[in-house]
Protein backbone atom coordinates (compact mmCIF):
# COMPACT_ATOMS: atom_id res chain seq x y z
CA UNK A 1 -0.04 -0.01 -0.04
CA UNK A 2 0.08 4.91 -4.86
CA UNK A 3 1.14 7.65 -3.08
CA UNK A 4 0.62 11.33 -2.39
CA UNK A 5 3.91 13.17 -1.36
CA UNK A 6 4.34 15.42 1.37
CA UNK A 7 2.77 13.85 4.56
CA UNK A 8 3.59 12.41 7.96
CA UNK A 9 2.35 9.11 9.17
CA UNK A 10 -1.02 8.80 10.62
CA UNK A 11 -0.18 10.01 14.12
CA UNK A 12 0.93 13.37 13.39
CA UNK A 13 -1.01 13.84 10.19
CA UNK A 14 -4.28 13.61 11.93
CA UNK A 15 -3.41 16.50 14.26
CA UNK A 16 -3.17 18.73 11.13
CA UNK A 17 -6.30 17.53 9.44
CA UNK A 18 -4.31 15.09 7.35
CA UNK A 19 -4.04 11.15 7.47
CA UNK A 20 -2.35 8.34 5.83
CA UNK A 21 -3.57 5.43 3.81
CA UNK A 22 -1.75 2.90 1.25
CA UNK A 23 0.19 2.68 -2.18
CA UNK A 24 -0.72 3.13 -5.82
CA UNK A 25 -4.22 2.85 -4.72
CA UNK A 26 -3.63 -0.51 -3.41
CA UNK A 27 -1.08 -0.71 -0.73
CA UNK A 28 -0.67 -1.34 2.96
CA UNK A 29 -0.39 2.34 3.84
CA UNK A 30 -0.65 5.56 1.84
CA UNK A 31 -1.34 9.25 2.24
CA UNK A 32 -4.46 11.28 1.64
CA UNK A 33 -5.69 14.71 2.60
CA UNK A 34 -8.59 15.55 4.75
CA UNK A 35 -10.68 12.34 5.16
CA UNK A 36 -14.34 12.66 4.99
CA UNK A 37 -16.45 11.80 7.95
CA UNK A 38 -18.06 8.36 7.80
CA UNK A 39 -21.79 8.59 7.29
CA UNK A 40 -24.18 6.22 8.93
CA UNK A 41 -25.17 3.43 6.67
CA UNK A 42 -29.12 2.71 6.42
CA UNK A 43 -29.61 -0.82 6.06
CA UNK A 44 -32.30 -1.68 3.38
CA UNK A 45 -32.52 -5.19 2.26
CA UNK A 46 -34.92 -6.96 -0.41
CA UNK A 47 -34.61 -10.38 -2.21
CA UNK A 48 -32.85 -10.54 -5.70
CA UNK A 49 -30.80 -13.09 -7.33
CA UNK A 50 -27.53 -12.87 -8.87
CA UNK A 51 -27.42 -14.34 -12.37
CA UNK A 52 -23.80 -15.40 -12.65
CA UNK A 53 -23.07 -18.91 -12.63
CA UNK A 54 -21.04 -18.75 -9.41
CA UNK A 55 -24.10 -17.82 -7.52
CA UNK A 56 -26.57 -20.16 -7.81
CA UNK A 57 -29.29 -19.50 -5.18
CA UNK A 58 -31.23 -16.27 -4.21
CA UNK A 59 -29.59 -14.02 -1.94
CA UNK A 60 -31.37 -11.89 0.68
CA UNK A 61 -28.51 -9.48 1.35
CA UNK A 62 -28.54 -7.35 -1.91
CA UNK A 63 -29.03 -3.70 -1.62
CA UNK A 64 -29.15 -0.72 -3.67
CA UNK A 65 -25.54 0.38 -4.42
CA UNK A 66 -26.33 3.94 -3.17
CA UNK A 67 -26.64 2.41 -0.07
CA UNK A 68 -22.92 1.91 0.11
CA UNK A 69 -21.79 4.97 -1.55
CA UNK A 70 -21.82 3.79 -5.22
CA UNK A 71 -23.77 5.59 -8.13
CA UNK A 72 -26.66 3.53 -8.98
CA UNK A 73 -26.64 4.39 -12.53
CA UNK A 74 -22.89 3.36 -12.75
CA UNK A 75 -23.66 0.19 -11.00
CA UNK A 76 -26.56 -0.72 -13.40
CA UNK A 77 -24.60 0.01 -16.18
CA UNK A 78 -21.47 -1.99 -15.28
CA UNK A 79 -24.02 -4.95 -13.97
CA UNK A 80 -22.51 -4.54 -10.52
CA UNK A 81 -24.26 -5.91 -7.32
CA UNK A 82 -23.96 -4.49 -3.94
CA UNK A 83 -24.69 -6.21 -0.56
CA UNK A 84 -24.64 -5.71 2.96
CA UNK A 85 -23.83 -9.14 4.63
CA UNK A 86 -24.21 -10.04 8.19
CA UNK A 87 -21.08 -11.56 9.85
CA UNK A 88 -20.59 -12.40 13.49
CA UNK A 89 -19.16 -9.58 15.72
CA UNK A 90 -16.82 -12.21 17.15
CA UNK A 91 -16.42 -15.79 15.37
CA UNK A 92 -15.60 -17.49 18.36
CA UNK A 93 -18.52 -16.13 20.13
CA UNK A 94 -21.40 -15.95 17.66
CA UNK A 95 -23.94 -15.21 20.37
CA UNK A 96 -22.50 -11.64 20.62
CA UNK A 97 -24.61 -10.73 17.63
CA UNK A 98 -23.77 -9.51 13.98
CA UNK A 99 -22.51 -6.48 12.23
CA UNK A 100 -23.07 -5.78 8.48
CA UNK A 101 -20.13 -5.72 5.81
CA UNK A 102 -20.50 -3.72 2.68
CA UNK A 103 -19.74 -5.68 -0.39
CA UNK A 104 -19.56 -5.42 -4.58
CA UNK A 105 -19.36 -8.36 -6.76
CA UNK A 106 -18.58 -7.30 -10.60
CA UNK A 107 -19.57 -10.08 -13.08
CA UNK A 108 -16.97 -11.47 -15.45
CA UNK A 109 -16.76 -9.88 -18.87
CA UNK A 110 -17.08 -13.03 -20.58
CA UNK A 111 -18.68 -16.34 -19.84
CA UNK A 112 -16.42 -18.67 -17.87
CA UNK A 113 -16.54 -21.12 -15.20
CA UNK A 114 -13.38 -19.87 -13.35
CA UNK A 115 -14.15 -19.12 -9.62
CA UNK A 116 -14.66 -15.53 -8.46
CA UNK A 117 -11.58 -13.64 -7.16
CA UNK A 118 -11.69 -12.17 -3.76
CA UNK A 119 -9.82 -8.83 -3.64
CA UNK A 120 -8.07 -7.90 -0.14
CA UNK A 121 -7.25 -4.34 0.19
CA UNK A 122 -4.12 -3.09 1.90
CA UNK A 123 -4.47 -0.97 4.97
CA UNK A 124 -5.31 -1.41 7.64
CA UNK A 125 -7.87 1.37 7.94
CA UNK A 126 -8.52 1.86 4.10
CA UNK A 127 -11.92 1.32 2.59
CA UNK A 128 -12.27 -0.61 -0.90
CA UNK A 129 -15.74 -0.23 -2.12
CA UNK A 130 -15.66 3.50 -2.90
CA UNK A 131 -12.58 2.64 -5.38
CA UNK A 132 -14.45 0.22 -7.38
CA UNK A 133 -15.35 2.36 -10.13
CA UNK A 134 -11.80 3.42 -10.51
CA UNK A 135 -10.38 -0.02 -10.38
CA UNK A 136 -12.89 -1.19 -13.01
CA UNK A 137 -11.24 1.34 -15.53
CA UNK A 138 -7.66 0.18 -14.89
CA UNK A 139 -5.82 -2.36 -17.03
CA UNK A 140 -5.23 -4.64 -14.36
CA UNK A 141 -8.68 -5.15 -13.43
CA UNK A 142 -10.02 -5.22 -16.89
CA UNK A 143 -7.75 -8.11 -17.59
CA UNK A 144 -8.61 -9.93 -14.26
CA UNK A 145 -12.24 -9.39 -14.69
CA UNK A 146 -12.31 -10.95 -18.16
CA UNK A 147 -12.89 -14.37 -16.94
CA UNK A 148 -14.15 -14.27 -13.37
CA UNK A 149 -16.24 -12.06 -11.15
CA UNK A 150 -14.39 -9.97 -8.74
CA UNK A 151 -15.40 -9.42 -5.03
CA UNK A 152 -14.59 -6.26 -3.21
CA UNK A 153 -15.64 -5.54 0.14
CA UNK A 154 -14.87 -2.95 3.12
CA UNK A 155 -13.21 -4.39 6.00
CA UNK A 156 -15.26 -4.11 9.40
CA UNK A 157 -14.85 -0.59 10.84
CA UNK A 158 -14.02 0.81 7.18
CA UNK A 159 -16.00 2.60 4.55
CA UNK A 160 -19.67 1.36 4.52
CA UNK A 161 -19.11 -1.60 6.90
CA UNK A 162 -20.21 -1.65 10.32
CA UNK A 163 -19.22 -0.34 13.12
CA UNK A 164 -18.68 3.39 12.56
CA UNK A 165 -15.88 3.67 14.96
CA UNK A 166 -15.37 6.82 16.86
CA UNK A 167 -17.78 9.16 14.88
CA UNK A 168 -16.96 12.87 15.37
CA UNK A 169 -13.41 12.26 16.82
CA UNK A 170 -11.71 14.03 13.79
CA UNK A 171 -13.97 16.90 14.17
CA UNK A 172 -13.38 17.10 17.88
CA UNK A 173 -9.74 16.93 17.65
CA UNK A 174 -9.70 19.58 14.95
CA UNK A 175 -11.87 21.75 16.93
CA UNK A 176 -9.68 21.26 19.80
CA UNK A 177 -6.47 22.08 17.77
CA UNK A 178 -7.66 25.42 16.71
CA UNK A 179 -7.52 26.85 20.09
CA UNK A 180 -4.60 24.57 21.62
CA UNK A 181 -1.34 24.85 19.46
CA UNK A 182 0.79 22.74 22.09
CA UNK A 183 1.71 19.31 20.73
CA UNK A 184 1.59 17.69 24.09
CA UNK A 185 -1.85 19.16 24.72
CA UNK A 186 -3.14 17.87 21.34
CA UNK A 187 -1.64 14.31 22.15
CA UNK A 188 -3.10 14.01 25.67
CA UNK A 189 -6.52 15.11 24.19
CA UNK A 190 -6.29 12.76 21.38
CA UNK A 191 -5.52 9.95 23.88
CA UNK A 192 -8.59 11.05 26.00
CA UNK A 193 -10.83 10.75 22.81
CA UNK A 194 -9.45 7.29 22.22
CA UNK A 195 -10.19 6.16 25.77
CA UNK A 196 -13.82 7.73 25.75
CA UNK A 197 -14.36 5.85 22.36
CA UNK A 198 -12.92 2.45 23.73
CA UNK A 199 -15.52 2.79 26.66
CA UNK A 200 -18.27 3.69 24.60
CA UNK A 201 -17.53 0.94 22.02
CA UNK A 202 -17.48 -1.70 24.90
CA UNK A 203 -21.00 -0.34 26.12
CA UNK A 204 -22.19 -0.86 22.72
CA UNK A 205 -20.91 -4.38 22.32
CA UNK A 206 -18.10 -3.67 20.25
CA UNK A 207 -14.96 -5.41 21.36
CA UNK A 208 -11.85 -3.55 20.00
CA UNK A 209 -9.78 -6.75 19.93
CA UNK A 210 -12.15 -8.20 17.47
CA UNK A 211 -10.37 -5.81 14.69
CA UNK A 212 -7.39 -8.03 13.76
CA UNK A 213 -6.19 -9.76 10.72
CA UNK A 214 -7.55 -13.25 11.59
CA UNK A 215 -11.19 -11.87 12.15
CA UNK A 216 -11.09 -10.02 9.01
CA UNK A 217 -10.30 -13.11 7.37
CA UNK A 218 -13.20 -14.91 9.09
CA UNK A 219 -15.10 -11.88 7.62
CA UNK A 220 -14.31 -12.53 4.20
CA UNK A 221 -14.91 -16.24 4.42
CA UNK A 222 -18.42 -15.46 5.80
CA UNK A 223 -19.12 -13.27 3.05
CA UNK A 224 -18.39 -15.99 0.43
CA UNK A 225 -20.60 -18.35 2.20
CA UNK A 226 -23.46 -15.70 2.31
CA UNK A 227 -22.84 -15.34 -1.53
CA UNK A 228 -23.07 -18.97 -1.95
CA UNK A 229 -19.55 -19.30 -3.17
CA UNK A 230 -18.00 -22.66 -2.36
CA UNK A 231 -14.51 -22.05 -4.04
CA UNK A 232 -12.74 -18.81 -4.69
CA UNK A 233 -9.28 -17.51 -5.77
CA UNK A 234 -7.72 -14.52 -3.80
CA UNK A 235 -5.70 -11.62 -4.81
CA UNK A 236 -4.08 -9.68 -1.78
CA UNK A 237 -1.87 -6.62 -1.67
CA UNK A 238 0.01 -5.46 1.15
CA UNK A 239 -1.75 -5.63 4.63
CA UNK A 240 -4.45 -7.40 2.30
CA UNK A 241 -1.88 -10.41 2.09
CA UNK A 242 -1.67 -10.60 5.88
CA UNK A 243 -5.59 -11.03 5.87
CA UNK A 244 -5.01 -13.34 2.94
CA UNK A 245 -2.45 -15.44 4.53
CA UNK A 246 -4.82 -15.82 7.72
CA UNK A 247 -7.60 -16.92 5.22
CA UNK A 248 -5.41 -19.40 3.71
CA UNK A 249 -4.58 -20.85 7.23
CA UNK A 250 -8.12 -20.90 8.42
CA UNK A 251 -10.24 -21.43 5.31
CA UNK A 252 -7.70 -22.81 2.66
CA UNK A 253 -9.82 -25.54 1.67
CA UNK A 254 -11.98 -23.20 -0.06
CA UNK A 255 -9.10 -21.42 -1.97
CA UNK A 256 -8.20 -22.69 -5.48
CA UNK A 257 -5.20 -20.25 -5.90
CA UNK A 258 -3.74 -16.90 -4.19
CA UNK A 259 -1.80 -14.09 -5.63
CA UNK A 260 0.19 -12.39 -2.60
CA UNK A 261 1.46 -8.95 -3.83
CA UNK A 262 3.95 -7.13 -1.90
CA UNK A 263 3.26 -9.58 1.04
CA UNK A 264 3.68 -8.68 4.65
CA UNK A 265 3.46 -12.22 6.42
CA UNK A 266 2.37 -12.75 9.82
CA UNK A 267 6.09 -14.04 10.72
CA UNK A 268 7.60 -10.77 8.95
CA UNK A 269 10.75 -9.93 10.97
CA UNK A 270 10.25 -6.25 11.09
CA UNK A 271 6.99 -4.63 11.96
CA UNK A 272 8.41 -0.99 11.74
CA UNK A 273 8.71 1.43 8.84
CA UNK A 274 12.50 2.07 9.53
CA UNK A 275 14.35 -1.06 8.42
CA UNK A 276 12.05 -1.56 5.26
CA UNK A 277 12.88 1.97 4.30
CA UNK A 278 16.62 1.33 4.87
CA UNK A 279 16.47 -1.77 2.58
CA UNK A 280 14.86 0.23 -0.01
CA UNK A 281 17.32 3.05 0.21
CA UNK A 282 19.99 0.75 0.10
CA UNK A 283 18.76 -0.61 -3.09
CA UNK A 284 18.31 3.02 -4.64
CA UNK A 285 22.03 3.86 -3.46
CA UNK A 286 23.25 0.55 -5.23
CA UNK A 287 21.52 1.08 -8.44
CA UNK A 288 22.79 4.77 -8.64
CA UNK A 289 26.35 3.42 -7.81
CA UNK A 290 26.08 1.21 -10.89
CA UNK A 291 25.05 4.10 -13.17
CA UNK A 292 28.28 6.44 -13.78
CA UNK A 293 26.11 9.42 -14.81
CA UNK A 294 23.49 8.98 -11.99
CA UNK A 295 26.53 8.58 -9.43
CA UNK A 296 28.22 11.56 -10.67
CA UNK A 297 24.97 13.60 -10.10
CA UNK A 298 24.27 12.01 -6.79
CA UNK A 299 27.24 10.83 -5.04
CA UNK A 300 25.79 11.30 -1.39
CA UNK A 301 22.32 10.84 -1.52
CA UNK A 302 22.12 9.51 1.96
CA UNK A 303 23.96 12.71 3.22
CA UNK A 304 21.63 14.78 1.39
CA UNK A 305 18.59 13.19 2.64
CA UNK A 306 19.92 13.65 6.34
CA UNK A 307 20.62 17.27 5.72
CA UNK A 308 17.21 18.01 4.22
CA UNK A 309 15.30 16.54 6.95
CA UNK A 310 17.63 18.00 9.69
CA UNK A 311 17.17 21.69 8.12
CA UNK A 312 13.60 21.51 7.55
CA UNK A 313 12.90 20.05 11.03
CA UNK A 314 14.73 23.07 12.42
CA UNK A 315 13.37 25.67 10.06
CA UNK A 316 10.02 24.33 8.19
CA UNK A 317 8.91 25.91 4.84
CA UNK A 318 5.54 27.33 4.55
CA UNK A 319 3.42 25.41 2.06
CA UNK A 320 0.24 26.90 0.58
CA UNK A 321 -2.30 24.62 -0.95
CA UNK A 322 -5.35 25.66 -3.29
CA UNK A 323 -7.51 28.15 -1.42
CA UNK A 324 -5.27 28.14 1.70
CA UNK A 325 -4.27 31.68 2.38
CA UNK A 326 -2.35 30.65 5.59
CA UNK A 327 -0.77 27.58 4.44
CA UNK A 328 0.98 25.18 6.73
CA UNK A 329 4.41 24.63 8.11
CA UNK A 330 6.29 21.67 6.07
CA UNK A 331 8.85 19.98 8.32
CA UNK A 332 11.90 17.46 7.64
CA UNK A 333 9.75 14.61 8.81
CA UNK A 334 7.10 15.66 6.14
CA UNK A 335 9.74 15.48 3.39
CA UNK A 336 10.90 12.13 4.51
CA UNK A 337 7.56 10.69 4.23
CA UNK A 338 7.07 12.04 0.93
CA UNK A 339 10.36 10.39 -0.04
CA UNK A 340 8.84 7.30 1.29
CA UNK A 341 5.63 7.69 -0.66
CA UNK A 342 7.44 8.38 -3.75
CA UNK A 343 9.36 5.21 -3.57
CA UNK A 344 6.00 3.43 -3.91
CA UNK A 345 5.56 3.84 -7.51
CA UNK A 346 8.22 3.23 -10.43
CA UNK A 347 6.41 6.26 -12.16
CA UNK A 348 7.93 8.71 -9.23
CA UNK A 349 11.13 6.92 -8.31
CA UNK A 350 13.09 8.47 -11.15
CA UNK A 351 12.41 11.85 -9.50
CA UNK A 352 13.70 10.76 -5.95
CA UNK A 353 17.25 11.28 -6.03
CA UNK A 354 16.91 14.68 -7.81
CA UNK A 355 14.51 15.85 -5.06
CA UNK A 356 16.73 14.72 -2.25
CA UNK A 357 19.62 16.61 -3.72
CA UNK A 358 18.04 19.75 -4.44
CA UNK A 359 16.04 20.05 -1.08
CA UNK A 360 19.43 18.76 0.75
CA UNK A 361 21.37 21.63 -0.59
CA UNK A 362 18.69 24.20 0.31
CA UNK A 363 16.53 24.58 -2.63
CA UNK A 364 13.19 24.73 -1.20
CA UNK A 365 11.56 26.42 -4.25
CA UNK A 366 10.36 22.87 -5.71
CA UNK A 367 8.67 21.77 -2.42
CA UNK A 368 5.36 23.48 -3.33
CA UNK A 369 5.17 21.68 -6.72
CA UNK A 370 6.67 18.51 -5.16
CA UNK A 371 3.45 18.49 -2.64
CA UNK A 372 1.21 19.49 -5.44
CA UNK A 373 2.22 16.77 -8.06
CA UNK A 374 1.37 13.98 -5.76
CA UNK A 375 -1.54 15.18 -3.57
CA UNK A 376 -4.82 13.84 -4.77
CA UNK A 377 -7.26 13.83 -1.65
CA UNK A 378 -9.74 11.38 -3.22
CA UNK A 379 -6.89 8.83 -4.54
CA UNK A 380 -7.35 5.98 -2.26
CA UNK A 381 -10.67 5.74 -0.53
CA UNK A 382 -11.86 6.70 2.87
CA UNK A 383 -9.82 6.14 5.70
CA UNK A 384 -10.58 4.99 9.44
CA UNK A 385 -7.59 5.77 11.81
CA UNK A 386 -9.56 4.19 14.84
CA UNK A 387 -9.81 0.84 12.85
CA UNK A 388 -6.20 1.14 11.60
CA UNK A 389 -4.94 1.70 15.22
CA UNK A 390 -7.00 -1.21 16.45
CA UNK A 391 -5.27 -3.74 14.29
CA UNK A 392 -1.78 -2.08 14.52
CA UNK A 393 -1.82 -1.66 18.35
CA UNK A 394 -2.83 -5.33 18.44
CA UNK A 395 -0.50 -6.79 15.96
CA UNK A 396 2.51 -4.39 15.75
CA UNK A 397 3.60 -3.83 19.16
CA UNK A 398 7.28 -4.35 19.56
CA UNK A 399 7.98 -8.10 20.41
CA UNK A 400 11.80 -7.94 20.44
CA UNK A 401 14.47 -5.57 21.58
CA UNK A 402 15.51 -4.71 18.14
CA UNK A 403 11.92 -3.49 17.54
CA UNK A 404 11.86 -1.01 20.38
CA UNK A 405 12.29 2.76 19.85
CA UNK A 406 15.65 3.08 21.47
CA UNK A 407 17.12 0.24 19.44
CA UNK A 408 15.66 1.48 16.16
CA UNK A 409 16.79 5.06 16.60
CA UNK A 410 20.22 4.31 17.94
CA UNK A 411 20.80 1.75 14.94
CA UNK A 412 19.19 4.05 12.04
CA UNK A 413 19.30 7.54 13.19
CA UNK A 414 19.10 8.94 9.66
CA UNK A 415 15.65 7.48 9.12
CA UNK A 416 14.32 8.44 12.65
CA UNK A 417 11.25 10.22 10.80
CA UNK A 418 9.81 6.94 10.06
CA UNK A 419 9.41 5.88 13.82
CA UNK A 420 5.45 5.02 14.68
CA UNK A 421 4.81 4.45 18.24
CA UNK A 422 2.86 1.26 18.70
CA UNK A 423 3.74 0.92 22.45
CA UNK A 424 2.57 4.40 23.39
CA UNK A 425 -0.20 5.63 25.77
CA UNK A 426 -2.76 5.92 22.84
CA UNK A 427 -2.54 2.35 22.05
CA UNK A 428 -2.69 1.57 25.99
CA UNK A 429 -5.96 3.43 25.82
CA UNK A 430 -7.58 2.36 22.56
CA UNK A 431 -6.40 -1.40 22.17
CA UNK A 432 -4.44 -2.34 25.41
CA UNK A 433 -4.24 -6.02 24.55
CA UNK A 434 -1.39 -7.67 22.47
CA UNK A 435 -1.48 -10.71 20.10
CA UNK A 436 -0.21 -13.92 21.19
CA UNK A 437 2.69 -15.74 19.70
CA UNK A 438 0.24 -17.97 17.53
CA UNK A 439 -0.67 -15.01 15.54
CA UNK A 440 2.73 -14.66 14.23
CA UNK A 441 3.34 -18.10 13.13
CA UNK A 442 4.40 -18.79 9.48
CA UNK A 443 1.51 -19.89 7.11
CA UNK A 444 2.12 -23.28 5.68
CA UNK A 445 -0.02 -24.14 2.68
CA UNK A 446 -0.09 -26.46 -0.73
CA UNK A 447 -2.65 -24.16 -2.41
CA UNK A 448 -0.76 -22.71 -5.49
CA UNK A 449 0.54 -19.06 -4.67
CA UNK A 450 1.96 -16.50 -6.80
CA UNK A 451 4.21 -14.14 -4.60
CA UNK A 452 5.42 -10.90 -6.06
CA UNK A 453 7.69 -8.44 -4.60
CA UNK A 454 9.24 -5.26 -5.82
CA UNK A 455 12.82 -4.53 -5.45
CA UNK A 456 12.10 -0.73 -4.44
CA UNK A 457 9.49 -1.68 -2.00
CA UNK A 458 10.09 0.75 1.18
CA UNK A 459 7.13 -1.08 2.98
CA UNK A 460 7.23 -4.70 2.21
CA UNK A 461 10.76 -5.54 1.03
CA UNK A 462 11.56 -8.81 -1.10
CA UNK A 463 12.74 -10.30 2.04
CA UNK A 464 9.04 -10.55 3.04
CA UNK A 465 8.47 -12.20 -0.18
CA UNK A 466 10.91 -14.77 0.47
CA UNK A 467 9.67 -15.58 4.19
CA UNK A 468 6.04 -15.98 2.83
CA UNK A 469 7.21 -18.18 -0.04
CA UNK A 470 8.99 -20.50 2.14
CA UNK A 471 5.94 -22.06 3.85
CA UNK A 472 3.88 -22.32 0.44
CA UNK A 473 4.95 -25.50 -1.02
CA UNK A 474 3.44 -24.92 -4.50
CA UNK A 475 4.49 -21.19 -4.47
CA UNK A 476 6.24 -19.20 -7.55
CA UNK A 477 8.19 -16.25 -6.14
CA UNK A 478 9.09 -13.13 -8.40
CA UNK A 479 11.32 -10.47 -7.05
CA UNK A 480 10.70 -7.90 -9.84
CA UNK A 481 13.44 -5.47 -10.81
CA UNK A 482 12.57 -1.82 -11.10
CA UNK A 483 9.27 -2.47 -9.38
CA UNK A 484 8.09 -1.40 -6.08
CA UNK A 485 4.70 -1.83 -4.19
CA UNK A 486 1.62 -3.37 -5.61
CA UNK A 487 3.75 -5.19 -8.31
CA UNK A 488 0.88 -6.38 -10.24
CA UNK A 489 0.23 -3.14 -11.70
CA UNK A 490 3.96 -2.39 -13.05
CA UNK A 491 3.25 -3.34 -16.57
CA UNK A 492 1.65 -5.67 -18.92
CA UNK A 493 4.29 -8.33 -18.30
CA UNK A 494 2.99 -8.70 -14.64
CA UNK A 495 -0.54 -8.60 -15.54
CA UNK A 496 -0.23 -11.16 -17.86
CA UNK A 497 1.64 -13.44 -15.57
CA UNK A 498 -1.14 -13.05 -12.89
CA UNK A 499 -3.90 -13.70 -15.52
CA UNK A 500 -2.26 -16.98 -16.61
CA UNK A 501 -1.60 -17.98 -12.98
CA UNK A 502 -5.27 -17.56 -12.08
CA UNK A 503 -6.47 -19.29 -15.17
CA UNK A 504 -3.90 -22.23 -14.79
CA UNK A 505 -2.86 -22.27 -11.07
CA UNK A 506 -1.35 -25.81 -11.28
CA UNK A 507 1.08 -24.82 -13.87
CA UNK A 508 4.11 -22.62 -13.35
CA UNK A 509 3.62 -19.16 -15.18
CA UNK A 510 5.72 -17.94 -17.64
CA UNK A 511 8.21 -15.41 -16.37
CA UNK A 512 10.59 -14.64 -18.89
CA UNK A 513 9.34 -11.02 -19.50
CA UNK A 514 10.37 -9.88 -15.95
CA UNK A 515 14.10 -10.38 -16.92
CA UNK A 516 13.75 -8.17 -19.94
CA UNK A 517 12.51 -5.23 -17.65
CA UNK A 518 14.58 -2.06 -18.00
CA UNK A 519 16.10 -0.29 -14.94
CA UNK A 520 14.80 3.00 -13.60
CA UNK A 521 15.94 6.09 -15.47
CA UNK A 522 16.53 8.86 -13.20
CA UNK A 523 15.90 12.52 -14.00
CA UNK A 524 18.85 14.87 -13.53
CA UNK A 525 17.58 18.42 -14.05
CA UNK A 526 14.22 20.62 -14.38
CA UNK A 527 12.27 18.92 -11.69
CA UNK A 528 9.74 21.63 -11.21
CA UNK A 529 9.03 21.44 -14.86
CA UNK A 530 9.05 17.58 -14.89
CA UNK A 531 6.58 17.48 -11.81
CA UNK A 532 4.17 20.15 -13.61
CA UNK A 533 3.70 17.35 -16.37
CA UNK A 534 3.61 14.63 -14.06
CA UNK A 535 0.17 12.72 -13.60
């Protein structure tokens, strides 16, 4: 989990009215600006049957697509069906009641007997359903939809799926921040809001510990059962692969094949952002050193990065957005996260060395254009910080000395901007429970799997792909040169490999085209002009 450039991670962005989401529209984490408040879904059901061959019985959970935020005319013209499907609040305790999950099914474009494809989005915290119209226009989804229906759904607590966690929290925090400029005061108030929301949720029968990867996988399986689907394929990207691997572990007998794109396995050795970015930056430095012209232009990119971040943290630059007369202070940490976000896409990686070099040497004139070029507030769907933190506080707390703040900041001081605190007071107030060791066991399966990793990925590095594939006896692992997060979207080569795999999961897909991929061509000058033409 695509990327806008110019933001910090969730924790600090929310204080400024900003927030983080995923990658190339489909990654584990990405940035978006000014998230919309979740509206309360009005449930309305009637009996309608789905005509596709995979859905052979009537389904009582169908609803008007407008009920889950989609335009009805668009849905009708694309033969899209929408659902609000009940799932247990807690799989282990069905008597606790149910909540409703928003789902969309897009039919195949041609007649085929291939099983439906279940899409598992990145995140956590990112909604999916609102992105479906954009997805269906893309090359990737047009190809994958040719022979099979595709199922999209919002994870519990995101988008139009219940529950609506902590409604009004963002507005309360924004109102408080307007009259309380101190960082510590804002932090304390935010923690108090999360504590209040935690207590209110429990009083309404919502157990925050039910927001975890295994439960999301159970929701996906329950959704498929409600749609009368006995077997399905899976495509998961970034955090969606964590959900997908839990689905494989607990419901694998129903899965015919699985694509794990930019995987984040339960047994990933790193739960932080610092070490994956360091790995990615090492790849960037190595590839620059192999290119004589690039190395002549950017001989000290790491030093330039440190200079840029340090200087802007001491003396931030005022950035003015459209219609924003006062603007906001842009710090070194903002610039660091913008580089992280730029590394998510091969389309923006060519600009990264020049941007670091320019800002590292004092040229701040490019920053407004840098932020503007990658800042689309509606790119990646609606985001729920409470849902994201519920999952992360449960599954991403440090488990070893190497994962603690002291260790990370002492061993990787140049990348301290990427430290996100999952062991602090907010997590203690919102989700004080931590996952047990069983959650982090490797997934072992003989279901055919295609594992895709990009060499430049700053979130889920190739090491994660290797670890994932190790437990999957019928897996094909591809570490793709010049690719980053959400590898399937890199080019027609990767799309074709994915399509061939889904159609014939028992056969090893042809991968010769991967070795023919060309390297990243770096930009050496006129960055501001280049950014003006970037889309």
